[in-house]
Amino acid sequence: MLSGISRILSQKASIFIILTAIVTFFIPNLFGWVQGVTQTIILGIIMLTMGLTLTPNDLKLLAQRPLDIFIGSLAQFTIMPLVAYTLTSVFSMIPAFAPYSTAMTIGIILVGCCPGGVSSNIMSFLCGGDVAYSVGMTCASTIMAPILTPLLVLLLAGEKVDVDAVSMFQQILIVTIIPIAIGFLLNMKLGHKPVFSKIQSCMPGVSVISLACIVGGVVYTVHDPLVENGMFLFIITFCMVFCHNTIGYLLGYTVGTIFNFNKAKKRTISIEVGMQNAGLGTNLAMIFFVANNPMSVVPCAISCAWHSISGTILANIFSAYDNRKK
């Protein structure tokens, strides 16, 4: 029963997250408890669920396909940060957006500098992509994130705000690498047991519920500023997130084409580059930037929901294309 619920939640993740955000907007205190340490623990749970699905064979991919992984990771940590920086420069020219430009710059750059999203592996599977390559890229970008994410944020946003790169490194290490390592070790030791397999089957649902909690906590945090500033701020921020995500998909696919990847790998690198771990970006924004720039968390929260939706849409487009050709 629980595995069935988990499967439904993973299939309807975007709808569940959107509904959570809408309900929280009208009942803000519903997720008021998802703050500070609690939010960090929840994000750690998401990364733990990823670790519980990893096997030694998944990690071998990093050694077996070094060039593919290198190309994908290079695209991940150049395209999305640079697109984010460019978009903030363009949107800052809009007079009504200018007062919020610093906060929004921090938020969208944080998202752009984060590693690939966990759900990207599911999207690659749904669209007939190279799932093994997707897992390899997600692992590689997550392993590099404690170093590259703080450095890129410092490089791209350091002129606008103070960036504590060392503390950010420690935070990413705590909420990504350590939980993933624990999950991986548990899978190695207990993966052969039937009970553990049942637990693994529930992990996608746990991941979706945890991400919904993070989004709910962010909506609670930004509720009052959003109400005060009206719908315009939400709409313009969504446009920026939409452009960032869509350009990431397009340029990711273009990189695959340039390096003569096959169809499955092109789809995978497109999804891996376009979908970010916005939950991590949200956590970093809440800890390091929200005190002085409360609205910096808004692009992260919108990205949490939108990346799940757009990833599902893109996977369906790829699948529909295949069905049409058949």
Protein backbone atom coordinates (compact mmCIF):
# COMPACT_ATOMS: atom_id res chain seq x y z
CA MET A 1 0.00 0.00 0.00
CA LEU A 2 2.72 2.47 1.00
CA SER A 3 4.75 1.69 -2.12
CA GLY A 4 1.62 2.33 -4.22
CA ILE A 5 1.08 5.70 -2.55
CA SER A 6 4.75 6.49 -3.10
CA ARG A 7 4.46 5.66 -6.80
CA ILE A 8 1.40 7.90 -7.19
CA LEU A 9 3.13 10.77 -5.40
CA SER A 10 6.22 10.49 -7.62
CA GLN A 11 4.04 10.43 -10.76
CA LYS A 12 1.99 13.44 -9.60
CA ALA A 13 4.83 15.27 -7.86
CA SER A 14 4.31 18.60 -9.61
CA ILE A 15 0.57 18.66 -8.86
CA PHE A 16 1.17 17.77 -5.21
CA ILE A 17 3.79 20.50 -4.79
CA ILE A 18 1.63 23.14 -6.49
CA LEU A 19 -1.37 22.24 -4.31
CA THR A 20 0.85 22.49 -1.23
CA ALA A 21 2.02 25.95 -2.27
CA ILE A 22 -1.55 27.15 -2.97
CA VAL A 23 -2.96 25.81 0.30
CA THR A 24 -0.05 27.29 2.26
CA PHE A 25 -0.58 30.68 0.64
CA PHE A 26 -4.10 30.79 2.07
CA ILE A 27 -3.15 29.07 5.35
CA PRO A 28 0.39 30.41 5.92
CA ASN A 29 0.95 28.91 9.36
CA LEU A 30 0.45 25.39 8.03
CA PHE A 31 4.17 25.02 7.34
CA GLY A 32 5.50 27.64 9.73
CA TRP A 33 7.46 24.89 11.48
CA VAL A 34 9.65 24.26 8.39
CA GLN A 35 12.36 26.72 9.29
CA GLY A 36 16.03 26.66 10.26
CA VAL A 37 17.33 23.31 11.46
CA THR A 38 14.04 21.59 10.62
CA GLN A 39 14.33 22.62 6.99
CA THR A 40 17.94 21.40 6.87
CA ILE A 41 16.89 18.03 8.27
CA ILE A 42 14.11 17.70 5.69
CA LEU A 43 16.51 18.48 2.84
CA GLY A 44 18.90 15.93 4.31
CA ILE A 45 16.08 13.37 4.18
CA ILE A 46 15.62 14.09 0.46
CA MET A 47 19.30 13.48 -0.17
CA LEU A 48 19.19 10.36 2.02
CA THR A 49 16.44 8.94 -0.21
CA MET A 50 18.76 9.48 -3.17
CA GLY A 51 21.60 7.68 -1.38
CA LEU A 52 19.35 4.73 -0.56
CA THR A 53 18.86 4.07 -4.27
CA LEU A 54 22.57 4.23 -5.19
CA THR A 55 24.62 1.09 -5.73
CA PRO A 56 28.34 0.51 -6.36
CA ASN A 57 27.48 0.04 -10.06
CA ASP A 58 26.09 3.57 -10.16
CA LEU A 59 29.36 4.97 -8.85
CA LYS A 60 31.35 2.87 -11.32
CA LEU A 61 29.70 4.93 -14.05
CA LEU A 62 31.81 7.89 -12.96
CA ALA A 63 34.93 5.89 -13.87
CA GLN A 64 33.51 4.09 -16.91
CA ARG A 65 32.16 7.18 -18.67
CA PRO A 66 34.49 10.00 -17.60
CA LEU A 67 34.22 12.05 -20.80
CA ASP A 68 30.40 11.96 -20.86
CA ILE A 69 30.23 12.87 -17.17
CA PHE A 70 32.80 15.65 -17.61
CA ILE A 71 30.89 17.18 -20.55
CA GLY A 72 27.60 17.02 -18.65
CA SER A 73 29.01 18.46 -15.43
CA LEU A 74 30.83 21.24 -17.29
CA ALA A 75 27.58 22.15 -19.04
CA GLN A 76 25.72 22.00 -15.70
CA PHE A 77 28.04 24.38 -13.87
CA THR A 78 28.57 26.86 -16.72
CA ILE A 79 25.28 27.14 -18.59
CA MET A 80 22.90 27.54 -15.65
CA PRO A 81 24.98 30.00 -13.58
CA LEU A 82 25.77 32.19 -16.63
CA VAL A 83 22.17 32.13 -17.88
CA ALA A 84 21.01 33.11 -14.38
CA TYR A 85 23.45 36.01 -14.23
CA THR A 86 22.45 37.21 -17.71
CA LEU A 87 18.73 37.04 -16.94
CA THR A 88 19.09 39.10 -13.77
CA SER A 89 20.90 41.78 -15.76
CA VAL A 90 18.10 41.82 -18.35
CA PHE A 91 15.22 41.80 -15.85
CA SER A 92 16.84 44.51 -13.75
CA MET A 93 16.16 46.90 -16.64
CA ILE A 94 12.44 46.65 -15.88
CA PRO A 95 11.71 49.69 -13.62
CA ALA A 96 9.15 47.94 -11.42
CA PHE A 97 11.53 45.01 -10.89
CA ALA A 98 14.57 47.11 -10.01
CA PRO A 99 13.81 47.46 -6.26
CA TYR A 100 13.94 43.69 -5.90
CA SER A 101 16.80 43.04 -8.30
CA THR A 102 19.43 42.28 -5.62
CA ALA A 103 17.27 39.72 -3.83
CA MET A 104 16.12 38.11 -7.08
CA THR A 105 19.68 38.02 -8.38
CA ILE A 106 20.77 36.08 -5.31
CA GLY A 107 17.86 33.65 -5.60
CA ILE A 108 18.13 32.77 -9.28
CA ILE A 109 21.95 32.57 -9.16
CA LEU A 110 21.67 30.19 -6.20
CA VAL A 111 19.38 27.94 -8.23
CA GLY A 112 21.70 28.15 -11.24
CA CYS A 113 24.75 27.18 -9.19
CA CYS A 114 23.13 24.13 -7.56
CA PRO A 115 23.69 20.55 -8.76
CA GLY A 116 21.16 18.56 -10.76
CA GLY A 117 17.80 17.73 -9.22
CA VAL A 118 17.06 14.25 -7.85
CA SER A 119 13.84 13.93 -9.87
CA SER A 120 15.80 14.39 -13.11
CA ASN A 121 16.56 10.66 -13.01
CA ILE A 122 12.83 9.89 -13.05
CA MET A 123 12.25 12.29 -15.95
CA SER A 124 15.07 10.65 -17.95
CA PHE A 125 13.43 7.27 -17.43
CA LEU A 126 9.99 8.55 -18.50
CA CYS A 127 11.27 10.01 -21.79
CA GLY A 128 13.47 7.11 -22.85
CA GLY A 129 16.70 8.84 -21.87
CA ASP A 130 19.95 7.27 -20.69
CA VAL A 131 19.05 6.66 -17.03
CA ALA A 132 22.53 5.39 -16.11
CA TYR A 133 24.03 8.60 -17.53
CA SER A 134 21.45 10.65 -15.62
CA VAL A 135 22.37 8.97 -12.33
CA GLY A 136 26.07 9.47 -13.09
CA MET A 137 25.59 13.17 -13.84
CA THR A 138 23.50 13.74 -10.72
CA CYS A 139 26.11 11.98 -8.57
CA ALA A 140 28.98 13.92 -10.11
CA SER A 141 27.34 17.34 -9.84
CA THR A 142 26.25 16.66 -6.25
CA ILE A 143 29.76 15.56 -5.26
CA MET A 144 31.23 18.73 -6.79
CA ALA A 145 28.55 21.03 -5.37
CA PRO A 146 30.18 21.73 -1.96
CA ILE A 147 33.10 23.35 -3.78
CA LEU A 148 31.64 24.71 -7.02
CA THR A 149 28.33 26.10 -5.72
CA PRO A 150 29.86 28.48 -3.12
CA LEU A 151 32.63 29.55 -5.52
CA LEU A 152 30.20 30.30 -8.35
CA VAL A 153 27.81 32.19 -6.06
CA LEU A 154 30.75 34.22 -4.74
CA LEU A 155 31.92 34.95 -8.28
CA LEU A 156 28.52 35.92 -9.70
CA ALA A 157 26.79 37.53 -6.70
CA GLY A 158 29.71 38.59 -4.51
CA GLU A 159 29.58 42.17 -5.78
CA LYS A 160 25.98 42.59 -4.59
CA VAL A 161 26.03 40.79 -1.23
CA ASP A 162 28.45 39.23 1.23
CA VAL A 163 28.89 35.53 0.42
CA ASP A 164 30.26 33.27 3.16
CA ALA A 165 31.66 30.61 0.84
CA VAL A 166 33.27 28.56 3.63
CA SER A 167 30.06 28.27 5.66
CA MET A 168 28.13 27.52 2.49
CA PHE A 169 30.59 24.72 1.71
CA GLN A 170 29.98 23.24 5.16
CA GLN A 171 26.21 23.53 4.81
CA ILE A 172 26.15 21.79 1.40
CA LEU A 173 28.39 19.07 2.80
CA ILE A 174 25.98 18.49 5.68
CA VAL A 175 22.78 18.42 3.63
CA THR A 176 24.03 16.58 0.53
CA ILE A 177 27.21 14.50 0.74
CA ILE A 178 26.78 13.11 4.26
CA PRO A 179 23.12 11.96 3.86
CA ILE A 180 23.87 10.47 0.42
CA ALA A 181 26.89 8.63 1.83
CA ILE A 182 24.81 7.23 4.71
CA GLY A 183 22.09 6.08 2.32
CA PHE A 184 24.64 4.50 0.01
CA LEU A 185 26.29 2.58 2.85
CA LEU A 186 22.93 1.36 4.14
CA ASN A 187 22.05 0.15 0.66
CA MET A 188 25.35 -1.73 0.41
CA LYS A 189 24.85 -3.43 3.76
CA LEU A 190 21.09 -4.06 3.71
CA GLY A 191 20.11 -3.84 0.03
CA HIS A 192 19.75 -7.63 -0.27
CA LYS A 193 17.06 -7.83 2.42
CA PRO A 194 13.37 -7.89 1.32
CA VAL A 195 12.32 -5.47 4.07
CA PHE A 196 14.88 -2.93 2.90
CA SER A 197 13.60 -3.25 -0.68
CA LYS A 198 10.12 -2.34 0.58
CA ILE A 199 11.57 0.69 2.34
CA GLN A 200 13.33 1.72 -0.88
CA SER A 201 10.06 1.54 -2.81
CA CYS A 202 8.62 4.18 -0.47
CA MET A 203 11.50 6.62 -0.87
CA PRO A 204 10.17 8.49 -3.96
CA GLY A 205 7.03 9.40 -2.01
CA VAL A 206 9.07 10.48 1.01
CA SER A 207 11.19 12.67 -1.27
CA VAL A 208 8.11 14.34 -2.81
CA ILE A 209 6.50 14.96 0.60
CA SER A 210 9.77 16.40 1.94
CA LEU A 211 10.13 18.73 -1.05
CA ALA A 212 6.51 19.85 -0.59
CA CYS A 213 7.29 20.67 3.05
CA ILE A 214 10.25 22.82 1.99
CA VAL A 215 8.10 24.67 -0.56
CA GLY A 216 5.40 25.15 2.08
CA GLY A 217 7.95 26.58 4.51
CA VAL A 218 9.19 29.00 1.87
CA VAL A 219 5.66 30.14 1.00
CA TYR A 220 5.13 30.83 4.71
CA THR A 221 8.31 32.93 4.79
CA VAL A 222 7.52 35.03 1.72
CA HIS A 223 3.74 35.22 2.15
CA ASP A 224 3.59 38.70 3.67
CA PRO A 225 6.10 40.31 1.25
CA LEU A 226 4.27 38.77 -1.73
CA VAL A 227 0.91 40.06 -0.48
CA GLU A 228 2.37 43.52 0.08
CA ASN A 229 3.96 43.71 -3.38
CA GLY A 230 1.07 42.18 -5.32
CA MET A 231 0.97 39.60 -8.10
CA PHE A 232 3.34 41.50 -10.36
CA LEU A 233 6.37 40.38 -8.38
CA PHE A 234 5.29 36.75 -8.56
CA ILE A 235 4.60 36.91 -12.29
CA ILE A 236 7.87 38.61 -13.21
CA THR A 237 9.83 36.20 -11.01
CA PHE A 238 8.07 33.24 -12.59
CA CYS A 239 8.98 34.59 -16.04
CA MET A 240 12.63 34.72 -14.99
CA VAL A 241 12.51 31.17 -13.59
CA PHE A 242 10.72 29.95 -16.73
CA CYS A 243 13.37 31.49 -19.01
CA HIS A 244 16.22 30.13 -16.89
CA ASN A 245 14.81 26.60 -16.88
CA THR A 246 13.79 26.53 -20.56
CA ILE A 247 17.09 27.95 -21.83
CA GLY A 248 18.84 25.31 -19.71
CA TYR A 249 16.90 22.54 -21.47
CA LEU A 250 17.62 23.98 -24.91
CA LEU A 251 21.33 24.61 -24.34
CA GLY A 252 21.75 21.24 -22.65
CA TYR A 253 20.29 19.52 -25.71
CA THR A 254 22.51 21.68 -27.92
CA VAL A 255 25.62 20.53 -26.03
CA GLY A 256 24.57 16.92 -26.62
CA THR A 257 24.17 17.66 -30.33
CA ILE A 258 27.57 19.36 -30.56
CA PHE A 259 29.28 16.32 -29.03
CA ASN A 260 27.33 13.92 -31.23
CA PHE A 261 25.48 12.21 -28.38
CA ASN A 262 22.79 9.70 -29.31
CA LYS A 263 19.11 10.57 -28.82
CA ALA A 264 18.84 9.11 -25.33
CA LYS A 265 21.93 10.94 -24.05
CA LYS A 266 20.86 14.25 -25.62
CA ARG A 267 17.53 14.02 -23.80
CA THR A 268 19.28 13.18 -20.56
CA ILE A 269 21.81 16.01 -20.66
CA SER A 270 18.99 18.41 -21.56
CA ILE A 271 17.02 17.39 -18.47
CA GLU A 272 20.07 17.24 -16.21
CA VAL A 273 21.21 20.73 -17.17
CA GLY A 274 17.74 22.31 -17.02
CA MET A 275 16.54 20.76 -13.74
CA GLN A 276 18.33 22.00 -10.63
CA ASN A 277 18.24 20.98 -6.99
CA ALA A 278 16.18 24.05 -6.12
CA GLY A 279 15.47 22.60 -2.68
CA LEU A 280 19.16 23.03 -1.86
CA GLY A 281 19.05 26.58 -3.25
CA THR A 282 16.07 27.29 -1.01
CA ASN A 283 17.90 26.02 2.05
CA LEU A 284 20.98 28.11 1.28
CA ALA A 285 18.87 31.22 0.68
CA MET A 286 17.04 30.76 3.98
CA ILE A 287 20.25 30.31 5.97
CA PHE A 288 22.62 32.82 4.35
CA PHE A 289 20.59 35.53 2.62
CA VAL A 290 16.96 35.79 3.73
CA ALA A 291 17.76 37.90 6.81
CA ASN A 292 18.96 40.86 4.70
CA ASN A 293 17.16 39.99 1.46
CA PRO A 294 13.86 38.28 2.35
CA MET A 295 12.73 37.98 -1.28
CA SER A 296 15.85 36.05 -2.34
CA VAL A 297 14.06 32.81 -1.50
CA VAL A 298 11.18 33.47 -3.93
CA PRO A 299 12.97 32.33 -7.14
CA CYS A 300 14.12 29.21 -5.31
CA ALA A 301 10.60 28.36 -4.16
CA ILE A 302 9.10 28.91 -7.60
CA SER A 303 11.89 26.82 -9.12
CA CYS A 304 11.11 23.94 -6.71
CA ALA A 305 7.61 23.65 -8.14
CA TRP A 306 8.25 24.67 -11.74
CA HIS A 307 11.21 22.35 -12.41
CA SER A 308 9.06 19.35 -11.49
CA ILE A 309 6.27 20.56 -13.78
CA SER A 310 8.50 21.46 -16.72
CA GLY A 311 10.50 18.24 -16.40
CA THR A 312 7.29 16.24 -16.62
CA ILE A 313 6.11 18.28 -19.61
CA LEU A 314 9.43 17.85 -21.43
CA ALA A 315 9.48 14.10 -20.75
CA ASN A 316 5.94 13.84 -22.13
CA ILE A 317 6.92 15.83 -25.24
CA PHE A 318 9.83 13.48 -25.93
CA SER A 319 7.60 10.42 -25.37
CA ALA A 320 4.84 11.83 -27.58
CA TYR A 321 7.40 12.44 -30.33
CA ASP A 322 8.51 8.81 -30.14
CA ASN A 323 4.93 7.55 -30.24
CA ARG A 324 4.16 9.73 -33.23
CA LYS A 325 7.17 8.39 -35.14
CA LYS A 326 6.08 4.82 -34.37
